[in-house]
Amino acid sequence: MTVMIYSWLYDTRLLYIWLTLFALYHLMGMLQGHNNLNGIRKTIRIGSWDVPREPNVYLRQEVDVTDVETRLSKLNKDRESKGKRPVTLTHICLKALGVGMKAKPEDFGKIVWGK
């Protein structure tokens, strides 16, 4: 911007040089056919990008539960004979989350700015 203001006010040769280079750059791009480097999906993604509004972090992780399933089947056979409800993988996952949260409480929290 400073170069343009200087060239408009004092020396227009610099503006002519800049405009010539600008035109050549775009002309070469059109001749080579590189006028659309982004695909349609990427263009939509770039156009709809916005600042993050929530501070949450999500994680997806695969866990091998074959041993847990065999133990659950044995446990549920015993519970069924006593007339109790069966234990599911949901119960096991929630218990593991609770134990993890109790073991490392400093990793869980909420930051409220200005309050």
Protein backbone atom coordinates (compact mmCIF):
# COMPACT_ATOMS: atom_id res chain seq x y z
CA MET A 1 0.00 0.00 0.00
CA THR A 2 2.86 2.37 0.80
CA VAL A 3 4.42 1.72 -2.60
CA MET A 4 1.15 2.53 -4.36
CA ILE A 5 0.66 5.77 -2.44
CA TYR A 6 4.24 6.80 -3.15
CA SER A 7 3.89 5.99 -6.85
CA TRP A 8 0.61 7.90 -7.16
CA LEU A 9 1.97 11.00 -5.46
CA TYR A 10 5.59 11.17 -6.60
CA ASP A 11 6.73 8.71 -9.24
CA THR A 12 4.21 6.84 -11.43
CA ARG A 13 6.91 4.65 -13.02
CA LEU A 14 6.85 2.37 -9.98
CA LEU A 15 3.08 1.98 -10.32
CA TYR A 16 3.46 1.07 -14.01
CA ILE A 17 6.09 -1.55 -13.18
CA TRP A 18 3.90 -3.05 -10.45
CA LEU A 19 0.79 -3.12 -12.69
CA THR A 20 2.78 -4.75 -15.52
CA LEU A 21 4.06 -7.50 -13.22
CA PHE A 22 0.57 -7.99 -11.77
CA ALA A 23 -0.95 -8.31 -15.25
CA LEU A 24 1.76 -10.70 -16.44
CA TYR A 25 1.31 -12.88 -13.37
CA HIS A 26 -2.43 -13.23 -13.94
CA LEU A 27 -2.05 -13.65 -17.70
CA MET A 28 0.41 -16.51 -17.20
CA GLY A 29 -1.97 -18.12 -14.73
CA MET A 30 -4.85 -17.96 -17.20
CA LEU A 31 -2.72 -19.32 -20.05
CA GLN A 32 -1.61 -22.28 -17.96
CA GLY A 33 -5.19 -23.02 -16.91
CA HIS A 34 -4.64 -22.78 -13.15
CA ASN A 35 -7.57 -20.50 -12.50
CA ASN A 36 -9.31 -22.90 -10.07
CA LEU A 37 -6.88 -24.68 -7.78
CA ASN A 38 -9.54 -25.58 -5.21
CA GLY A 39 -12.30 -28.08 -5.80
CA ILE A 40 -15.95 -27.30 -5.10
CA ARG A 41 -15.96 -28.94 -1.67
CA LYS A 42 -12.80 -27.17 -0.57
CA THR A 43 -14.14 -23.83 -1.80
CA ILE A 44 -17.35 -24.32 0.22
CA ARG A 45 -15.31 -25.35 3.26
CA ILE A 46 -13.11 -22.25 3.00
CA GLY A 47 -16.13 -19.99 2.46
CA SER A 48 -18.04 -21.33 5.44
CA TRP A 49 -15.09 -21.38 7.84
CA ASP A 50 -15.70 -19.49 11.06
CA VAL A 51 -13.94 -19.06 14.36
CA PRO A 52 -14.47 -21.88 16.89
CA ARG A 53 -17.33 -21.16 19.24
CA GLU A 54 -16.94 -23.96 21.78
CA PRO A 55 -13.83 -24.98 23.70
CA ASN A 56 -14.56 -28.71 23.63
CA VAL A 57 -12.12 -31.28 22.31
CA TYR A 58 -13.52 -34.53 20.97
CA LEU A 59 -11.64 -37.82 20.73
CA ARG A 60 -12.44 -40.98 18.85
CA GLN A 61 -10.48 -44.04 19.85
CA GLU A 62 -10.80 -47.72 19.05
CA VAL A 63 -10.40 -50.13 21.96
CA ASP A 64 -10.08 -53.92 21.81
CA VAL A 65 -12.85 -55.31 24.07
CA THR A 66 -12.68 -59.04 23.27
CA ASP A 67 -11.50 -59.92 26.80
CA VAL A 68 -14.18 -57.72 28.32
CA GLU A 69 -16.91 -59.39 26.27
CA THR A 70 -15.88 -62.88 27.42
CA ARG A 71 -15.80 -61.75 31.06
CA LEU A 72 -19.17 -60.00 30.64
CA SER A 73 -20.77 -63.16 29.29
CA LYS A 74 -19.52 -65.14 32.32
CA LEU A 75 -20.58 -62.36 34.73
CA ASN A 76 -24.03 -62.05 33.16
CA LYS A 77 -24.63 -65.82 33.39
CA ASP A 78 -24.02 -65.59 37.15
CA ARG A 79 -26.18 -62.47 37.47
CA GLU A 80 -28.97 -64.02 35.41
CA SER A 81 -29.16 -67.00 37.75
CA LYS A 82 -29.53 -64.59 40.69
CA GLY A 83 -32.26 -62.57 38.90
CA LYS A 84 -30.17 -59.38 38.50
CA ARG A 85 -29.91 -57.09 35.49
CA PRO A 86 -27.11 -57.83 32.99
CA VAL A 87 -24.02 -55.64 32.80
CA THR A 88 -23.33 -54.12 29.36
CA LEU A 89 -20.36 -52.48 27.64
CA THR A 90 -21.95 -49.10 28.38
CA HIS A 91 -21.69 -49.81 32.11
CA ILE A 92 -18.02 -50.79 31.72
CA CYS A 93 -17.19 -47.67 29.66
CA LEU A 94 -18.90 -45.34 32.12
CA LYS A 95 -17.10 -46.95 35.05
CA ALA A 96 -13.74 -46.60 33.23
CA LEU A 97 -14.46 -42.91 32.55
CA GLY A 98 -15.35 -42.34 36.18
CA VAL A 99 -12.20 -44.05 37.44
CA GLY A 100 -10.10 -42.05 34.99
CA MET A 101 -11.70 -38.75 36.01
CA LYS A 102 -11.13 -39.55 39.67
CA ALA A 103 -7.50 -40.50 39.08
CA LYS A 104 -6.62 -37.32 37.11
CA PRO A 105 -9.06 -34.55 38.12
CA GLU A 106 -6.65 -31.82 36.94
CA ASP A 107 -7.24 -32.90 33.32
CA PHE A 108 -10.95 -32.06 33.51
CA GLY A 109 -12.35 -28.61 34.08
CA LYS A 110 -13.88 -25.52 32.67
CA ILE A 111 -12.25 -22.14 32.10
CA VAL A 112 -14.58 -19.17 32.33
CA TRP A 113 -12.94 -15.94 31.25
CA GLY A 114 -13.72 -12.81 33.24
CA LYS A 115 -15.77 -14.50 35.97
